Protein backbone atom coordinates (compact mmCIF):
# COMPACT_ATOMS: atom_id res chain seq x y z
CA MET A 1 -14.13 -10.41 2.63
CA GLN A 2 -11.49 -13.03 4.27
CA GLU A 3 -13.05 -15.57 1.93
CA ALA A 4 -9.62 -15.55 -0.02
CA LYS A 5 -7.58 -16.36 2.55
CA LYS A 6 -10.07 -19.10 3.79
CA GLU A 7 -9.61 -20.57 0.46
CA ASN A 8 -5.99 -19.95 0.14
CA LEU A 9 -6.14 -17.79 -2.79
CA PRO A 10 -2.94 -15.45 -3.34
CA GLN A 11 -3.37 -11.97 -2.31
CA LEU A 12 -4.75 -9.54 -4.92
CA ARG A 13 -2.41 -7.52 -7.09
CA MET A 14 -2.14 -4.18 -8.37
CA GLY A 15 0.09 -2.35 -10.66
CA TYR A 16 1.22 1.08 -10.93
CA MET A 17 1.60 2.17 -14.90
CA ASN A 18 1.86 5.82 -14.87
CA PRO A 19 5.60 7.37 -15.45
CA ALA A 20 5.16 10.11 -12.69
CA PRO A 21 3.65 9.95 -9.36
CA PRO A 22 0.41 10.93 -8.45
CA ALA A 23 -0.94 14.38 -7.91
CA VAL A 24 -1.91 14.54 -4.22
CA GLU A 25 -2.79 17.94 -1.67
CA GLY A 26 -0.89 18.66 0.67
CA VAL A 27 -0.77 16.76 4.06
CA PRO A 28 -3.11 17.68 6.63
CA ALA A 29 -2.48 20.52 8.99
CA GLY A 30 -0.75 19.11 12.16
CA TYR A 31 0.92 16.15 10.48
CA GLN A 32 4.42 15.82 8.57
CA LEU A 33 5.42 13.41 5.91
CA ARG A 34 8.95 11.89 6.70
CA PRO A 35 11.17 8.94 5.55
CA PHE A 36 12.11 6.41 8.33
CA GLN A 37 14.77 7.41 10.96
CA ALA A 38 16.75 5.47 13.41
CA GLY A 39 14.54 4.76 16.56
CA ASP A 40 11.01 4.79 14.69
CA GLU A 41 10.85 0.89 15.28
CA PRO A 42 8.85 0.61 18.52
CA GLY A 43 6.61 3.15 17.08
CA TRP A 44 6.42 1.56 13.54
CA MET A 45 5.67 -1.84 15.39
CA GLU A 46 2.81 0.08 17.34
CA LEU A 47 1.06 1.41 14.45
CA LEU A 48 1.16 -1.98 12.23
CA ASN A 49 -0.66 -3.67 15.46
CA ALA A 50 -2.71 -0.59 16.13
CA ASN A 51 -3.92 -1.09 12.17
CA GLY A 52 -5.17 -4.66 13.02
CA GLU A 53 -5.05 -5.83 9.20
CA LEU A 54 -1.45 -6.89 8.65
CA GLY A 55 -0.79 -9.73 11.32
CA GLU A 56 0.62 -9.11 14.62
CA TRP A 57 4.04 -7.41 14.73
CA SER A 58 7.32 -7.56 16.63
CA LEU A 59 10.52 -5.79 16.86
CA GLU A 60 12.33 -8.69 15.25
CA ARG A 61 9.59 -8.84 12.50
CA ILE A 62 10.08 -4.82 12.07
CA ALA A 63 14.22 -5.71 12.14
CA GLY A 64 13.64 -8.29 8.95
CA ILE A 65 12.07 -5.92 7.27
CA LEU A 66 14.80 -3.42 7.59
CA GLY A 67 17.25 -5.90 7.00
CA GLY A 68 15.52 -7.14 3.76
CA GLY A 69 14.86 -5.29 0.71
CA LEU A 70 13.57 -2.17 1.96
CA LYS A 71 14.36 0.79 -0.33
CA ASN A 72 12.43 3.45 1.45
CA GLN A 73 10.15 4.07 4.08
CA PHE A 74 7.71 6.73 4.79
CA PHE A 75 5.72 7.58 7.79
CA ALA A 76 2.91 10.55 8.55
CA VAL A 77 4.01 11.87 11.82
CA CYS A 78 1.55 13.85 14.56
CA GLY A 79 3.05 15.03 17.76
CA GLY A 80 5.70 12.31 17.33
CA GLN A 81 3.26 9.76 16.74
CA LEU A 82 3.64 7.21 13.66
CA THR A 83 0.10 7.58 12.13
CA ALA A 84 0.54 6.05 8.92
CA CYS A 85 3.44 4.30 6.91
CA ALA A 86 3.99 2.85 3.35
CA GLY A 87 7.31 1.50 1.95
CA VAL A 88 9.24 0.48 -1.36
CA HIS A 89 10.68 -2.86 -1.35
CA ASP A 90 12.84 -4.71 -3.82
CA THR A 91 10.48 -7.95 -4.71
CA GLN A 92 10.75 -10.80 -6.59
CA LEU A 93 7.35 -12.07 -8.14
CA GLU A 94 7.26 -15.50 -10.09
CA GLY A 95 11.30 -14.58 -11.04
CA ALA A 96 10.54 -10.93 -12.22
CA GLU A 97 11.80 -8.04 -10.14
CA TYR A 98 9.51 -5.20 -9.00
CA TRP A 99 9.55 -2.37 -6.92
CA GLU A 100 6.63 -3.33 -4.77
CA ILE A 101 4.67 -0.67 -2.38
CA GLY A 102 4.17 -2.36 0.92
CA TRP A 103 2.74 -2.91 4.52
CA VAL A 104 0.51 0.48 4.05
CA ALA A 105 -1.21 1.09 7.00
CA SER A 106 -3.14 4.01 9.22
CA HIS A 107 -3.67 3.95 12.84
CA PRO A 108 -7.25 3.72 13.41
CA GLN A 109 -7.65 7.23 15.28
CA HIS A 110 -6.18 8.77 12.43
CA ARG A 111 -8.05 7.51 9.60
CA GLY A 112 -10.66 9.85 7.47
CA LYS A 113 -7.52 12.23 6.98
CA GLY A 114 -6.16 11.24 3.60
CA LEU A 115 -2.90 9.85 5.56
CA GLY A 116 -2.75 6.74 3.48
CA VAL A 117 -2.63 8.85 0.20
CA GLN A 118 0.02 10.87 1.43
CA VAL A 119 2.51 7.80 2.48
CA THR A 120 1.38 5.59 -0.55
CA ALA A 121 2.17 8.79 -2.92
CA ALA A 122 5.61 9.31 -1.19
CA ALA A 123 6.49 5.76 -1.54
CA LEU A 124 5.54 5.77 -5.43
CA GLY A 125 7.60 8.78 -5.78
CA ALA A 126 10.21 7.19 -4.47
CA ALA A 127 9.83 4.25 -6.32
CA LEU A 128 10.01 6.12 -9.44
CA GLU A 129 13.57 7.51 -8.51
CA LEU A 130 15.04 3.69 -8.43
CA PRO A 131 15.97 2.07 -11.69
CA ARG A 132 12.94 1.02 -13.92
CA ARG A 133 11.21 -1.69 -12.69
CA PRO A 134 7.50 -2.45 -12.65
CA ILE A 135 5.64 -0.92 -9.52
CA VAL A 136 3.03 -3.61 -7.95
CA LEU A 137 1.33 -3.85 -4.97
CA ARG A 138 -0.45 -6.66 -3.02
CA THR A 139 -3.37 -6.31 -1.34
CA ASP A 140 -6.24 -8.35 0.64
CA ASP A 141 -9.99 -8.43 -0.39
CA PHE A 142 -11.46 -7.15 2.79
CA ARG A 143 -8.94 -3.91 2.64
CA LEU A 144 -11.98 -1.86 0.98
CA PRO A 145 -10.84 1.57 2.05
CA ALA A 146 -7.07 0.59 1.18
CA ILE A 147 -8.04 -0.18 -2.23
CA LYS A 148 -9.90 2.83 -2.45
CA VAL A 149 -6.90 4.81 -1.97
CA TYR A 150 -4.75 2.70 -4.41
CA LEU A 151 -7.68 2.77 -7.14
CA LYS A 152 -7.46 7.17 -6.53
CA LEU A 153 -3.98 6.99 -7.22
CA GLY A 154 -3.68 5.35 -10.08
CA PHE A 155 -3.15 1.53 -9.54
CA VAL A 156 -4.83 -0.59 -11.77
CA PRO A 157 -5.99 -4.46 -10.92
CA LEU A 158 -3.69 -7.18 -12.09
CA LEU A 159 -5.48 -9.91 -13.60
CA ASP A 160 -3.01 -12.37 -13.54
CA HIS A 161 -4.65 -15.35 -11.81
CA PRO A 162 -7.87 -16.99 -12.69
CA SER A 163 -9.64 -15.97 -9.24
CA TYR A 164 -8.59 -12.10 -9.88
CA PRO A 165 -11.64 -11.24 -12.42
CA GLU A 166 -14.57 -12.48 -10.09
CA ARG A 167 -12.71 -10.95 -7.09
CA TRP A 168 -12.55 -7.66 -8.62
CA ARG A 169 -16.04 -7.75 -9.59
CA LEU A 170 -17.08 -8.63 -6.21
CA ILE A 171 -14.91 -5.60 -4.97
CA HIS A 172 -16.29 -3.28 -7.43
CA SER A 173 -20.05 -3.93 -6.49
CA ARG A 174 -19.06 -3.07 -2.69
CA LEU A 175 -17.14 0.20 -3.44
CA GLY A 176 -19.65 1.49 -6.11
CA PRO A 177 -19.58 3.45 -9.29
CA GLY A 178 -16.15 4.90 -10.34
CA SER A 179 -14.21 1.89 -8.86
CA GLU A 180 -14.66 -0.29 -12.09
CA VAL A 181 -11.90 -2.82 -13.09
CA ARG A 182 -10.37 -1.51 -16.50
CA PRO A 183 -7.33 -3.36 -18.03
CA PRO A 184 -4.12 -0.47 -18.00
CA GLY A 185 -4.36 1.92 -20.78
CA ALA A 186 -8.07 1.98 -20.88
CA SER A 187 -9.89 5.27 -20.26
CA ALA A 188 -12.65 6.17 -17.90
């Protein structure tokens, strides 16, 4: 649903309210999970461009991320290829400091293997080891597979913009049962 971008609405926001990282199953056979290493820049750029949902990437844009507020960056790797990624960024939103889980992406040829869960959980674990701050992520209405991952990991929609409740209602209708929007702390 790219209507939000057409109407110039803000990205959706989700928060992670749990004090511990989510429990996830192990990395699939043939893959490994690791942090950023010098020399990953070209592969990271290729992964983000192949993902196709996060704009166009160049080595200069990657350098900007590395030189900005990036605290940790994680990759799922298979045969030397970076196949999924997520990072922890030092961010300010409306004057408040947050740890933001960002630039979560999977390569189309490696989707459906739980790699997004793996890298996002690793980023969450790293954020929880940093000085205590709220943990957020931003996403787009059309990124339904990513939103399913975020909900599975325990992120909850933040409803702090007038457009959010209706947008989340539409997302829930597309995702189906089990994706209901609940306020933080509400039971299932």
